[in-house]
């Protein structure tokens, strides 16, 4: 993986790593779902590295859907909202709408407790 590719994949890799914190917060019962999310994110990175943007988007969407299902098992309203965010993000990525992608990414970051917006301009 080149340094440029690593930089492009950094947000996905960071998210995959930070899922451990979610497991600690929710508990061991979340481990299988979180492992599926982590695997989908790592597969998205691999797809992106191969130049398979569509495959990467599909894997990111699968990861987000799994997170939505997990949150829905804890809180139905939260799960519904997460599904809407996942659909919006996938649509923005799929259409190449960088502004909508960045806005949706910032919504996800805030939902995850990150107070800062993503300031990268190269999404």
PDB file of N, CA and C in Angstrom:
ATOM      1  N   UNK A   1       0.852  -1.167   0.000  1.00  0.00           N
ATOM      2  CA  UNK A   1       0.000   0.000   0.000  1.00  0.00           C
ATOM      3  C   UNK A   1       0.899   1.231   0.000  1.00  0.00           C
ATOM      4  N   UNK A   2       0.749   2.086  -1.001  1.00  0.00           N
ATOM      5  CA  UNK A   2       1.569   3.288  -1.088  1.00  0.00           C
ATOM      6  C   UNK A   2       1.132   4.286  -0.024  1.00  0.00           C
ATOM      7  N   UNK A   3       1.964   5.292   0.220  1.00  0.00           N
ATOM      8  CA  UNK A   3       1.602   6.302   1.220  1.00  0.00           C
ATOM      9  C   UNK A   3       0.378   7.085   0.769  1.00  0.00           C
ATOM     10  N   UNK A   4       0.215   7.280  -0.544  1.00  0.00           N
ATOM     11  CA  UNK A   4      -0.966   7.978  -1.052  1.00  0.00           C
ATOM     12  C   UNK A   4      -2.221   7.141  -0.805  1.00  0.00           C
ATOM     13  N   UNK A   5      -2.145   5.846  -1.081  1.00  0.00           N
ATOM     14  CA  UNK A   5      -3.277   4.954  -0.863  1.00  0.00           C
ATOM     15  C   UNK A   5      -3.599   4.873   0.622  1.00  0.00           C
ATOM     16  N   UNK A   6      -2.579   4.797   1.458  1.00  0.00           N
ATOM     17  CA  UNK A   6      -2.790   4.754   2.902  1.00  0.00           C
ATOM     18  C   UNK A   6      -3.524   6.003   3.351  1.00  0.00           C
ATOM     19  N   UNK A   7      -3.133   7.164   2.837  1.00  0.00           N
ATOM     20  CA  UNK A   7      -3.780   8.418   3.189  1.00  0.00           C
ATOM     21  C   UNK A   7      -5.246   8.413   2.771  1.00  0.00           C
ATOM     22  N   UNK A   8      -5.535   7.887   1.578  1.00  0.00           N
ATOM     23  CA  UNK A   8      -6.911   7.830   1.090  1.00  0.00           C
ATOM     24  C   UNK A   8      -7.756   6.894   1.951  1.00  0.00           C
ATOM     25  N   UNK A   9      -7.163   5.833   2.437  1.00  0.00           N
ATOM     26  CA  UNK A   9      -7.893   4.830   3.209  1.00  0.00           C
ATOM     27  C   UNK A   9      -7.896   5.107   4.702  1.00  0.00           C
ATOM     28  N   UNK A  10      -7.169   6.109   5.148  1.00  0.00           N
ATOM     29  CA  UNK A  10      -7.024   6.391   6.575  1.00  0.00           C
ATOM     30  C   UNK A  10      -8.364   6.495   7.311  1.00  0.00           C
ATOM     31  N   UNK A  11      -9.367   7.215   6.789  1.00  0.00           N
ATOM     32  CA  UNK A  11     -10.628   7.295   7.542  1.00  0.00           C
ATOM     33  C   UNK A  11     -11.287   5.928   7.734  1.00  0.00           C
ATOM     34  N   UNK A  12     -11.273   5.077   6.718  1.00  0.00           N
ATOM     35  CA  UNK A  12     -11.877   3.750   6.849  1.00  0.00           C
ATOM     36  C   UNK A  12     -11.085   2.881   7.815  1.00  0.00           C
ATOM     37  N   UNK A  13      -9.764   2.954   7.730  1.00  0.00           N
ATOM     38  CA  UNK A  13      -8.931   2.169   8.637  1.00  0.00           C
ATOM     39  C   UNK A  13      -9.089   2.646  10.083  1.00  0.00           C
ATOM     40  N   UNK A  14      -9.191   3.952  10.259  1.00  0.00           N
ATOM     41  CA  UNK A  14      -9.377   4.511  11.603  1.00  0.00           C
ATOM     42  C   UNK A  14     -10.730   4.078  12.166  1.00  0.00           C
ATOM     43  N   UNK A  15     -11.768   4.117  11.329  1.00  0.00           N
ATOM     44  CA  UNK A  15     -13.084   3.686  11.771  1.00  0.00           C
ATOM     45  C   UNK A  15     -13.071   2.202  12.155  1.00  0.00           C
ATOM     46  N   UNK A  16     -12.442   1.379  11.330  1.00  0.00           N
ATOM     47  CA  UNK A  16     -12.359  -0.055  11.628  1.00  0.00           C
ATOM     48  C   UNK A  16     -11.665  -0.281  12.976  1.00  0.00           C
ATOM     49  N   UNK A  17     -10.625   0.466  13.234  1.00  0.00           N
ATOM     50  CA  UNK A  17      -9.897   0.330  14.500  1.00  0.00           C
ATOM     51  C   UNK A  17     -10.734   0.832  15.679  1.00  0.00           C
ATOM     52  N   UNK A  18     -11.442   1.927  15.486  1.00  0.00           N
ATOM     53  CA  UNK A  18     -12.211   2.529  16.575  1.00  0.00           C
ATOM     54  C   UNK A  18     -13.469   1.744  16.935  1.00  0.00           C
ATOM     55  N   UNK A  19     -13.825   0.765  16.129  1.00  0.00           N
ATOM     56  CA  UNK A  19     -14.991  -0.056  16.451  1.00  0.00           C
ATOM     57  C   UNK A  19     -14.801  -0.817  17.758  1.00  0.00           C
ATOM     58  N   UNK A  20     -13.558  -1.002  18.166  1.00  0.00           N
ATOM     59  CA  UNK A  20     -13.282  -1.666  19.450  1.00  0.00           C
ATOM     60  C   UNK A  20     -13.925  -0.896  20.603  1.00  0.00           C
ATOM     61  N   UNK A  21     -13.928   0.424  20.491  1.00  0.00           N
ATOM     62  CA  UNK A  21     -14.533   1.252  21.530  1.00  0.00           C
ATOM     63  C   UNK A  21     -16.036   1.021  21.603  1.00  0.00           C
ATOM     64  N   UNK A  22     -16.666   0.838  20.447  1.00  0.00           N
ATOM     65  CA  UNK A  22     -18.096   0.575  20.405  1.00  0.00           C
ATOM     66  C   UNK A  22     -18.413  -0.746  21.098  1.00  0.00           C
ATOM     67  N   UNK A  23     -17.578  -1.731  20.882  1.00  0.00           N
ATOM     68  CA  UNK A  23     -17.770  -3.030  21.510  1.00  0.00           C
ATOM     69  C   UNK A  23     -17.679  -2.905  23.028  1.00  0.00           C
ATOM     70  N   UNK A  24     -16.753  -2.091  23.506  1.00  0.00           N
ATOM     71  CA  UNK A  24     -16.609  -1.885  24.948  1.00  0.00           C
ATOM     72  C   UNK A  24     -17.871  -1.211  25.506  1.00  0.00           C
ATOM     73  N   UNK A  25     -18.396  -0.229  24.779  1.00  0.00           N
ATOM     74  CA  UNK A  25     -19.580   0.488  25.244  1.00  0.00           C
ATOM     75  C   UNK A  25     -20.833  -0.377  25.244  1.00  0.00           C
ATOM     76  N   UNK A  26     -21.028  -1.145  24.184  1.00  0.00           N
ATOM     77  CA  UNK A  26     -22.256  -1.934  24.052  1.00  0.00           C
ATOM     78  C   UNK A  26     -22.138  -3.259  24.790  1.00  0.00           C
ATOM     79  N   UNK A  27     -20.966  -3.844  24.746  1.00  0.00           N
ATOM     80  CA  UNK A  27     -20.756  -5.122  25.416  1.00  0.00           C
ATOM     81  C   UNK A  27     -20.417  -6.226  24.439  1.00  0.00           C
ATOM     82  N   UNK A  28     -20.055  -7.362  24.998  1.00  0.00           N
ATOM     83  CA  UNK A  28     -19.609  -8.503  24.212  1.00  0.00           C
ATOM     84  C   UNK A  28     -20.635  -9.037  23.229  1.00  0.00           C
ATOM     85  N   UNK A  29     -21.940  -8.826  23.499  1.00  0.00           N
ATOM     86  CA  UNK A  29     -22.963  -9.309  22.585  1.00  0.00           C
ATOM     87  C   UNK A  29     -22.880  -8.615  21.221  1.00  0.00           C
ATOM     88  N   UNK A  30     -22.217  -7.488  21.162  1.00  0.00           N
ATOM     89  CA  UNK A  30     -22.077  -6.753  19.912  1.00  0.00           C
ATOM     90  C   UNK A  30     -20.880  -7.240  19.088  1.00  0.00           C
ATOM     91  N   UNK A  31     -20.040  -8.078  19.664  1.00  0.00           N
ATOM     92  CA  UNK A  31     -18.805  -8.497  19.003  1.00  0.00           C
ATOM     93  C   UNK A  31     -19.021  -9.065  17.601  1.00  0.00           C
ATOM     94  N   UNK A  32     -19.955  -9.999  17.379  1.00  0.00           N
ATOM     95  CA  UNK A  32     -20.122 -10.546  16.021  1.00  0.00           C
ATOM     96  C   UNK A  32     -20.517  -9.478  14.995  1.00  0.00           C
ATOM     97  N   UNK A  33     -21.426  -8.599  15.358  1.00  0.00           N
ATOM     98  CA  UNK A  33     -21.855  -7.548  14.435  1.00  0.00           C
ATOM     99  C   UNK A  33     -20.715  -6.577  14.154  1.00  0.00           C
ATOM    100  N   UNK A  34     -19.983  -6.223  15.174  1.00  0.00           N
ATOM    101  CA  UNK A  34     -18.874  -5.285  15.005  1.00  0.00           C
ATOM    102  C   UNK A  34     -17.778  -5.914  14.155  1.00  0.00           C
ATOM    103  N   UNK A  35     -17.555  -7.200  14.333  1.00  0.00           N
ATOM    104  CA  UNK A  35     -16.562  -7.906  13.506  1.00  0.00           C
ATOM    105  C   UNK A  35     -16.994  -7.902  12.036  1.00  0.00           C
ATOM    106  N   UNK A  36     -18.287  -8.078  11.775  1.00  0.00           N
ATOM    107  CA  UNK A  36     -18.787  -8.010  10.400  1.00  0.00           C
ATOM    108  C   UNK A  36     -18.587  -6.622   9.808  1.00  0.00           C
ATOM    109  N   UNK A  37     -18.841  -5.595  10.605  1.00  0.00           N
ATOM    110  CA  UNK A  37     -18.641  -4.215  10.136  1.00  0.00           C
ATOM    111  C   UNK A  37     -17.171  -3.987   9.824  1.00  0.00           C
ATOM    112  N   UNK A  38     -16.311  -4.396  10.740  1.00  0.00           N
ATOM    113  CA  UNK A  38     -14.863  -4.225  10.543  1.00  0.00           C
ATOM    114  C   UNK A  38     -14.417  -4.939   9.261  1.00  0.00           C
ATOM    115  N   UNK A  39     -14.875  -6.173   9.066  1.00  0.00           N
ATOM    116  CA  UNK A  39     -14.495  -6.920   7.860  1.00  0.00           C
ATOM    117  C   UNK A  39     -14.989  -6.223   6.595  1.00  0.00           C
ATOM    118  N   UNK A  40     -16.209  -5.696   6.618  1.00  0.00           N
ATOM    119  CA  UNK A  40     -16.725  -4.974   5.451  1.00  0.00           C
ATOM    120  C   UNK A  40     -15.875  -3.740   5.148  1.00  0.00           C
ATOM    121  N   UNK A  41     -15.460  -3.029   6.191  1.00  0.00           N
ATOM    122  CA  UNK A  41     -14.629  -1.845   5.974  1.00  0.00           C
ATOM    123  C   UNK A  41     -13.267  -2.222   5.396  1.00  0.00           C
ATOM    124  N   UNK A  42     -12.682  -3.299   5.895  1.00  0.00           N
ATOM    125  CA  UNK A  42     -11.391  -3.741   5.366  1.00  0.00           C
ATOM    126  C   UNK A  42     -11.531  -4.233   3.922  1.00  0.00           C
ATOM    127  N   UNK A  43     -12.660  -4.867   3.606  1.00  0.00           N
ATOM    128  CA  UNK A  43     -12.915  -5.267   2.229  1.00  0.00           C
ATOM    129  C   UNK A  43     -13.116  -4.038   1.336  1.00  0.00           C
ATOM    130  N   UNK A  44     -13.709  -2.991   1.882  1.00  0.00           N
ATOM    131  CA  UNK A  44     -13.865  -1.744   1.124  1.00  0.00           C
ATOM    132  C   UNK A  44     -12.502  -1.145   0.789  1.00  0.00           C
ATOM    133  N   UNK A  45     -11.600  -1.171   1.763  1.00  0.00           N
ATOM    134  CA  UNK A  45     -10.240  -0.670   1.519  1.00  0.00           C
ATOM    135  C   UNK A  45      -9.572  -1.487   0.413  1.00  0.00           C
ATOM    136  N   UNK A  46      -9.701  -2.809   0.494  1.00  0.00           N
ATOM    137  CA  UNK A  46      -9.092  -3.671  -0.522  1.00  0.00           C
ATOM    138  C   UNK A  46      -9.699  -3.407  -1.900  1.00  0.00           C
ATOM    139  N   UNK A  47     -11.013  -3.240  -1.950  1.00  0.00           N
ATOM    140  CA  UNK A  47     -11.672  -2.951  -3.231  1.00  0.00           C
ATOM    141  C   UNK A  47     -11.188  -1.620  -3.796  1.00  0.00           C
ATOM    142  N   UNK A  48     -11.073  -0.628  -2.949  1.00  0.00           N
ATOM    143  CA  UNK A  48     -10.598   0.688  -3.398  1.00  0.00           C
ATOM    144  C   UNK A  48      -9.171   0.582  -3.913  1.00  0.00           C
ATOM    145  N   UNK A  49      -8.337  -0.194  -3.220  1.00  0.00           N
ATOM    146  CA  UNK A  49      -6.951  -0.378  -3.658  1.00  0.00           C
ATOM    147  C   UNK A  49      -6.872  -1.033  -5.035  1.00  0.00           C
ATOM    148  N   UNK A  50      -7.852  -1.885  -5.339  1.00  0.00           N
ATOM    149  CA  UNK A  50      -7.901  -2.544  -6.659  1.00  0.00           C
ATOM    150  C   UNK A  50      -8.521  -1.649  -7.722  1.00  0.00           C
ATOM    151  N   UNK A  51      -9.004  -0.481  -7.321  1.00  0.00           N
ATOM    152  CA  UNK A  51      -9.666   0.416  -8.257  1.00  0.00           C
ATOM    153  C   UNK A  51     -11.142   0.106  -8.435  1.00  0.00           C
ATOM    154  N   UNK A  52     -11.684  -0.747  -7.581  1.00  0.00           N
ATOM    155  CA  UNK A  52     -13.084  -1.141  -7.651  1.00  0.00           C
ATOM    156  C   UNK A  52     -13.912  -0.220  -6.758  1.00  0.00           C
ATOM    157  N   UNK A  53     -14.214   0.967  -7.259  1.00  0.00           N
ATOM    158  CA  UNK A  53     -14.941   1.961  -6.467  1.00  0.00           C
ATOM    159  C   UNK A  53     -16.339   1.466  -6.134  1.00  0.00           C
ATOM    160  N   UNK A  54     -17.011   0.851  -7.085  1.00  0.00           N
ATOM    161  CA  UNK A  54     -18.355   0.332  -6.855  1.00  0.00           C
ATOM    162  C   UNK A  54     -18.343  -0.729  -5.753  1.00  0.00           C
ATOM    163  N   UNK A  55     -17.361  -1.608  -5.796  1.00  0.00           N
ATOM    164  CA  UNK A  55     -17.232  -2.625  -4.756  1.00  0.00           C
ATOM    165  C   UNK A  55     -16.960  -2.011  -3.397  1.00  0.00           C
ATOM    166  N   UNK A  56     -16.144  -0.963  -3.361  1.00  0.00           N
ATOM    167  CA  UNK A  56     -15.850  -0.276  -2.103  1.00  0.00           C
ATOM    168  C   UNK A  56     -17.121   0.366  -1.542  1.00  0.00           C
ATOM    169  N   UNK A  57     -17.892   1.021  -2.414  1.00  0.00           N
ATOM    170  CA  UNK A  57     -19.144   1.648  -1.973  1.00  0.00           C
ATOM    171  C   UNK A  57     -20.102   0.582  -1.435  1.00  0.00           C
ATOM    172  N   UNK A  58     -20.190  -0.551  -2.125  1.00  0.00           N
ATOM    173  CA  UNK A  58     -21.064  -1.642  -1.666  1.00  0.00           C
ATOM    174  C   UNK A  58     -20.645  -2.141  -0.285  1.00  0.00           C
ATOM    175  N   UNK A  59     -19.346  -2.279  -0.063  1.00  0.00           N
ATOM    176  CA  UNK A  59     -18.864  -2.766   1.224  1.00  0.00           C
ATOM    177  C   UNK A  59     -19.091  -1.737   2.334  1.00  0.00           C
ATOM    178  N   UNK A  60     -18.903  -0.466   2.024  1.00  0.00           N
ATOM    179  CA  UNK A  60     -19.163   0.587   3.019  1.00  0.00           C
ATOM    180  C   UNK A  60     -20.646   0.595   3.365  1.00  0.00           C
ATOM    181  N   UNK A  61     -21.489   0.478   2.345  1.00  0.00           N
ATOM    182  CA  UNK A  61     -22.935   0.458   2.590  1.00  0.00           C
ATOM    183  C   UNK A  61     -23.311  -0.757   3.443  1.00  0.00           C
ATOM    184  N   UNK A  62     -22.724  -1.915   3.157  1.00  0.00           N
ATOM    185  CA  UNK A  62     -22.998  -3.115   3.959  1.00  0.00           C
ATOM    186  C   UNK A  62     -22.593  -2.900   5.414  1.00  0.00           C
ATOM    187  N   UNK A  63     -21.446  -2.263   5.619  1.00  0.00           N
ATOM    188  CA  UNK A  63     -20.986  -1.982   6.981  1.00  0.00           C
ATOM    189  C   UNK A  63     -21.959  -1.050   7.699  1.00  0.00           C
ATOM    190  N   UNK A  64     -22.410  -0.030   6.998  1.00  0.00           N
ATOM    191  CA  UNK A  64     -23.321   0.928   7.611  1.00  0.00           C
ATOM    192  C   UNK A  64     -24.679   0.291   7.909  1.00  0.00           C
ATOM    193  N   UNK A  65     -25.138  -0.574   7.018  1.00  0.00           N
ATOM    194  CA  UNK A  65     -26.396  -1.278   7.261  1.00  0.00           C
ATOM    195  C   UNK A  65     -26.287  -2.172   8.491  1.00  0.00           C
ATOM    196  N   UNK A  66     -25.145  -2.821   8.646  1.00  0.00           N
ATOM    197  CA  UNK A  66     -24.946  -3.684   9.817  1.00  0.00           C
ATOM    198  C   UNK A  66     -24.914  -2.853  11.089  1.00  0.00           C
ATOM    199  N   UNK A  67     -24.275  -1.682  11.046  1.00  0.00           N
ATOM    200  CA  UNK A  67     -24.279  -0.787  12.209  1.00  0.00           C
ATOM    201  C   UNK A  67     -25.695  -0.313  12.517  1.00  0.00           C
ATOM    202  N   UNK A  68     -26.463  -0.014  11.461  1.00  0.00           N
ATOM    203  CA  UNK A  68     -27.849   0.418  11.650  1.00  0.00           C
ATOM    204  C   UNK A  68     -28.661  -0.691  12.313  1.00  0.00           C
ATOM    205  N   UNK A  69     -28.444  -1.935  11.880  1.00  0.00           N
ATOM    206  CA  UNK A  69     -29.158  -3.060  12.482  1.00  0.00           C
ATOM    207  C   UNK A  69     -28.775  -3.210  13.952  1.00  0.00           C
ATOM    208  N   UNK A  70     -27.503  -3.042  14.243  1.00  0.00           N
ATOM    209  CA  UNK A  70     -27.048  -3.135  15.633  1.00  0.00           C
ATOM    210  C   UNK A  70     -27.682  -2.033  16.473  1.00  0.00           C
ATOM    211  N   UNK A  71     -27.664  -0.808  15.973  1.00  0.00           N
ATOM    212  CA  UNK A  71     -28.265   0.288  16.736  1.00  0.00           C
ATOM    213  C   UNK A  71     -29.769   0.105  16.845  1.00  0.00           C
ATOM    214  N   UNK A  72     -30.398  -0.455  15.796  1.00  0.00           N
ATOM    215  CA  UNK A  72     -31.831  -0.718  15.849  1.00  0.00           C
ATOM    216  C   UNK A  72     -32.204  -1.755  16.885  1.00  0.00           C
ATOM    217  N   UNK A  73     -31.293  -2.691  17.143  1.00  0.00           N
ATOM    218  CA  UNK A  73     -31.569  -3.691  18.181  1.00  0.00           C
ATOM    219  C   UNK A  73     -31.513  -3.069  19.570  1.00  0.00           C
ATOM    220  N   UNK A  74     -30.867  -1.934  19.688  1.00  0.00           N
ATOM    221  CA  UNK A  74     -30.774  -1.243  20.969  1.00  0.00           C
ATOM    222  C   UNK A  74     -31.823  -0.140  21.095  1.00  0.00           C
ATOM    223  N   UNK A  75     -32.137   0.500  19.950  1.00  0.00           N
ATOM    224  CA  UNK A  75     -33.086   1.615  19.926  1.00  0.00           C
ATOM    225  C   UNK A  75     -33.667   1.701  18.521  1.00  0.00           C
ATOM    226  N   UNK A  76     -34.938   1.393  18.376  1.00  0.00           N
ATOM    227  CA  UNK A  76     -35.570   1.316  17.050  1.00  0.00           C
ATOM    228  C   UNK A  76     -35.475   2.639  16.288  1.00  0.00           C
ATOM    229  N   UNK A  77     -35.695   3.759  16.961  1.00  0.00           N
ATOM    230  CA  UNK A  77     -35.625   5.057  16.283  1.00  0.00           C
ATOM    231  C   UNK A  77     -34.210   5.351  15.796  1.00  0.00           C
ATOM    232  N   UNK A  78     -33.239   5.017  16.619  1.00  0.00           N
ATOM    233  CA  UNK A  78     -31.836   5.221  16.234  1.00  0.00           C
ATOM    234  C   UNK A  78     -31.496   4.350  15.022  1.00  0.00           C
ATOM    235  N   UNK A  79     -31.973   3.132  15.004  1.00  0.00           N
ATOM    236  CA  UNK A  79     -31.730   2.238  13.880  1.00  0.00           C
ATOM    237  C   UNK A  79     -32.318   2.779  12.589  1.00  0.00           C
ATOM    238  N   UNK A  80     -33.531   3.306  12.657  1.00  0.00           N
ATOM    239  CA  UNK A  80     -34.178   3.893  11.477  1.00  0.00           C
ATOM    240  C   UNK A  80     -33.375   5.079  10.962  1.00  0.00           C
ATOM    241  N   UNK A  81     -32.946   5.940  11.876  1.00  0.00           N
ATOM    242  CA  UNK A  81     -32.158   7.099  11.479  1.00  0.00           C
ATOM    243  C   UNK A  81     -30.834   6.655  10.845  1.00  0.00           C
ATOM    244  N   UNK A  82     -30.194   5.646  11.432  1.00  0.00           N
ATOM    245  CA  UNK A  82     -28.925   5.161  10.883  1.00  0.00           C
ATOM    246  C   UNK A  82     -29.114   4.580   9.481  1.00  0.00           C
ATOM    247  N   UNK A  83     -30.232   3.910   9.247  1.00  0.00           N
ATOM    248  CA  UNK A  83     -30.503   3.377   7.905  1.00  0.00           C
ATOM    249  C   UNK A  83     -30.662   4.507   6.891  1.00  0.00           C
ATOM    250  N   UNK A  84     -31.316   5.582   7.313  1.00  0.00           N
ATOM    251  CA  UNK A  84     -31.494   6.742   6.429  1.00  0.00           C
ATOM    252  C   UNK A  84     -30.136   7.380   6.113  1.00  0.00           C
ATOM    253  N   UNK A  85     -29.308   7.500   7.121  1.00  0.00           N
ATOM    254  CA  UNK A  85     -27.967   8.067   6.915  1.00  0.00           C
ATOM    255  C   UNK A  85     -27.165   7.167   5.981  1.00  0.00           C
ATOM    256  N   UNK A  86     -27.242   5.861   6.182  1.00  0.00           N
ATOM    257  CA  UNK A  86     -26.512   4.911   5.333  1.00  0.00           C
ATOM    258  C   UNK A  86     -26.965   5.023   3.882  1.00  0.00           C
ATOM    259  N   UNK A  87     -28.275   5.115   3.671  1.00  0.00           N
ATOM    260  CA  UNK A  87     -28.802   5.230   2.303  1.00  0.00           C
ATOM    261  C   UNK A  87     -28.352   6.541   1.659  1.00  0.00           C
ATOM    262  N   UNK A  88     -28.377   7.618   2.419  1.00  0.00           N
ATOM    263  CA  UNK A  88     -27.947   8.928   1.897  1.00  0.00           C
ATOM    264  C   UNK A  88     -26.456   8.902   1.538  1.00  0.00           C
ATOM    265  N   UNK A  89     -25.670   8.293   2.403  1.00  0.00           N
ATOM    266  CA  UNK A  89     -24.223   8.223   2.166  1.00  0.00           C
ATOM    267  C   UNK A  89     -23.921   7.389   0.923  1.00  0.00           C
ATOM    268  N   UNK A  90     -24.563   6.228   0.812  1.00  0.00           N
ATOM    269  CA  UNK A  90     -24.338   5.356  -0.347  1.00  0.00           C
ATOM    270  C   UNK A  90     -24.764   6.055  -1.638  1.00  0.00           C
ATOM    271  N   UNK A  91     -25.878   6.758  -1.605  1.00  0.00           N
ATOM    272  CA  UNK A  91     -26.340   7.472  -2.798  1.00  0.00           C
ATOM    273  C   UNK A  91     -25.364   8.579  -3.184  1.00  0.00           C
ATOM    274  N   UNK A  92     -24.865   9.298  -2.194  1.00  0.00           N
ATOM    275  CA  UNK A  92     -23.912  10.375  -2.473  1.00  0.00           C
ATOM    276  C   UNK A  92     -22.614   9.825  -3.048  1.00  0.00           C
ATOM    277  N   UNK A  93     -22.114   8.738  -2.452  1.00  0.00           N
ATOM    278  CA  UNK A  93     -20.891   8.119  -2.966  1.00  0.00           C
ATOM    279  C   UNK A  93     -21.102   7.599  -4.386  1.00  0.00           C
ATOM    280  N   UNK A  94     -22.234   6.922  -4.578  1.00  0.00           N
ATOM    281  CA  UNK A  94     -22.518   6.332  -5.876  1.00  0.00           C
ATOM    282  C   UNK A  94     -22.673   7.349  -6.985  1.00  0.00           C
ATOM    283  N   UNK A  95     -23.183   8.522  -6.650  1.00  0.00           N
ATOM    284  CA  UNK A  95     -23.387   9.557  -7.666  1.00  0.00           C
ATOM    285  C   UNK A  95     -22.172  10.466  -7.816  1.00  0.00           C
ATOM    286  N   UNK A  96     -21.200  10.308  -6.931  1.00  0.00           N
ATOM    287  CA  UNK A  96     -20.009  11.159  -6.994  1.00  0.00           C
ATOM    288  C   UNK A  96     -20.231  12.548  -6.431  1.00  0.00           C
ATOM    289  N   UNK A  97     -21.299  12.742  -5.663  1.00  0.00           N
ATOM    290  CA  UNK A  97     -21.617  14.041  -5.068  1.00  0.00           C
ATOM    291  C   UNK A  97     -20.736  14.244  -3.836  1.00  0.00           C
ATOM    292  N   UNK A  98     -19.613  14.905  -4.030  1.00  0.00           N
ATOM    293  CA  UNK A  98     -18.643  15.049  -2.950  1.00  0.00           C
ATOM    294  C   UNK A  98     -19.169  15.887  -1.794  1.00  0.00           C
ATOM    295  N   UNK A  99     -19.950  16.923  -2.095  1.00  0.00           N
ATOM    296  CA  UNK A  99     -20.482  17.766  -1.025  1.00  0.00           C
ATOM    297  C   UNK A  99     -21.444  16.971  -0.143  1.00  0.00           C
ATOM    298  N   UNK A 100     -22.371  16.230  -0.752  1.00  0.00           N
ATOM    299  CA  UNK A 100     -23.311  15.421   0.026  1.00  0.00           C
ATOM    300  C   UNK A 100     -22.585  14.316   0.781  1.00  0.00           C
ATOM    301  N   UNK A 101     -21.548  13.743   0.164  1.00  0.00           N
ATOM    302  CA  UNK A 101     -20.758  12.715   0.834  1.00  0.00           C
ATOM    303  C   UNK A 101     -20.108  13.288   2.090  1.00  0.00           C
ATOM    304  N   UNK A 102     -19.501  14.455   1.936  1.00  0.00           N
ATOM    305  CA  UNK A 102     -18.817  15.079   3.068  1.00  0.00           C
ATOM    306  C   UNK A 102     -19.808  15.477   4.169  1.00  0.00           C
ATOM    307  N   UNK A 103     -20.958  16.026   3.772  1.00  0.00           N
ATOM    308  CA  UNK A 103     -21.965  16.408   4.764  1.00  0.00           C
ATOM    309  C   UNK A 103     -22.475  15.191   5.526  1.00  0.00           C
ATOM    310  N   UNK A 104     -22.734  14.112   4.807  1.00  0.00           N
ATOM    311  CA  UNK A 104     -23.231  12.901   5.456  1.00  0.00           C
ATOM    312  C   UNK A 104     -22.154  12.289   6.346  1.00  0.00           C
ATOM    313  N   UNK A 105     -20.918  12.324   5.891  1.00  0.00           N
ATOM    314  CA  UNK A 105     -19.813  11.840   6.705  1.00  0.00           C
ATOM    315  C   UNK A 105     -19.730  12.621   8.009  1.00  0.00           C
ATOM    316  N   UNK A 106     -19.925  13.920   7.938  1.00  0.00           N
ATOM    317  CA  UNK A 106     -19.883  14.731   9.153  1.00  0.00           C
ATOM    318  C   UNK A 106     -21.043  14.399  10.089  1.00  0.00           C
ATOM    319  N   UNK A 107     -22.224  14.112   9.543  1.00  0.00           N
ATOM    320  CA  UNK A 107     -23.348  13.687  10.384  1.00  0.00           C
ATOM    321  C   UNK A 107     -22.965  12.402  11.116  1.00  0.00           C
ATOM    322  N   UNK A 108     -22.378  11.449  10.377  1.00  0.00           N
ATOM    323  CA  UNK A 108     -21.972  10.181  10.998  1.00  0.00           C
ATOM    324  C   UNK A 108     -20.926  10.410  12.076  1.00  0.00           C
ATOM    325  N   UNK A 109     -19.985  11.276  11.797  1.00  0.00           N
ATOM    326  CA  UNK A 109     -18.931  11.550  12.775  1.00  0.00           C
ATOM    327  C   UNK A 109     -19.524  12.146  14.053  1.00  0.00           C
ATOM    328  N   UNK A 110     -20.466  13.080  13.890  1.00  0.00           N
ATOM    329  CA  UNK A 110     -21.097  13.687  15.063  1.00  0.00           C
ATOM    330  C   UNK A 110     -21.920  12.658  15.840  1.00  0.00           C
ATOM    331  N   UNK A 111     -22.612  11.765  15.137  1.00  0.00           N
ATOM    332  CA  UNK A 111     -23.386  10.715  15.798  1.00  0.00           C
ATOM    333  C   UNK A 111     -22.459   9.787  16.584  1.00  0.00           C
ATOM    334  N   UNK A 112     -21.242   9.629  16.099  1.00  0.00           N
ATOM    335  CA  UNK A 112     -20.279   8.754  16.767  1.00  0.00           C
ATOM    336  C   UNK A 112     -19.547   9.467  17.900  1.00  0.00           C
ATOM    337  N   UNK A 113     -19.863  10.749  18.118  1.00  0.00           N
ATOM    338  CA  UNK A 113     -19.262  11.482  19.218  1.00  0.00           C
ATOM    339  C   UNK A 113     -18.066  12.333  18.843  1.00  0.00           C
ATOM    340  N   UNK A 114     -17.732  12.385  17.572  1.00  0.00           N
ATOM    341  CA  UNK A 114     -16.607  13.205  17.110  1.00  0.00           C
ATOM    342  C   UNK A 114     -17.109  14.636  16.922  1.00  0.00           C
ATOM    343  N   UNK A 115     -16.580  15.600  17.672  1.00  0.00           N
ATOM    344  CA  UNK A 115     -17.103  16.970  17.575  1.00  0.00           C
ATOM    345  C   UNK A 115     -16.659  17.739  16.329  1.00  0.00           C
ATOM    346  N   UNK A 116     -15.556  17.303  15.714  1.00  0.00           N
ATOM    347  CA  UNK A 116     -15.020  18.059  14.579  1.00  0.00           C
ATOM    348  C   UNK A 116     -15.556  17.505  13.264  1.00  0.00           C
ATOM    349  N   UNK A 117     -15.722  18.406  12.296  1.00  0.00           N
ATOM    350  CA  UNK A 117     -16.086  17.994  10.949  1.00  0.00           C
ATOM    351  C   UNK A 117     -14.861  17.487  10.231  1.00  0.00           C
ATOM    352  N   UNK A 118     -15.071  16.627   9.224  1.00  0.00           N
ATOM    353  CA  UNK A 118     -14.007  16.158   8.336  1.00  0.00           C
ATOM    354  C   UNK A 118     -13.592  17.363   7.517  1.00  0.00           C
ATOM    355  N   UNK A 119     -12.311  17.733   7.580  1.00  0.00           N
ATOM    356  CA  UNK A 119     -11.863  18.925   6.871  1.00  0.00           C
ATOM    357  C   UNK A 119     -11.126  18.627   5.585  1.00  0.00           C
ATOM    358  N   UNK A 120     -11.096  17.376   5.177  1.00  0.00           N
ATOM    359  CA  UNK A 120     -10.413  17.025   3.928  1.00  0.00           C
ATOM    360  C   UNK A 120     -11.249  17.490   2.755  1.00  0.00           C
ATOM    361  N   UNK A 121     -10.582  17.891   1.693  1.00  0.00           N
ATOM    362  CA  UNK A 121     -11.251  18.338   0.489  1.00  0.00           C
ATOM    363  C   UNK A 121     -11.143  17.354  -0.639  1.00  0.00           C
ATOM    364  N   UNK A 122     -10.590  16.178  -0.376  1.00  0.00           N
ATOM    365  CA  UNK A 122     -10.310  15.229  -1.462  1.00  0.00           C
ATOM    366  C   UNK A 122     -11.146  13.957  -1.375  1.00  0.00           C
ATOM    367  N   UNK A 123     -12.368  14.075  -0.872  1.00  0.00           N
ATOM    368  CA  UNK A 123     -13.213  12.880  -0.767  1.00  0.00           C
ATOM    369  C   UNK A 123     -13.535  12.308  -2.105  1.00  0.00           C
TER     370      UNK A 123
END
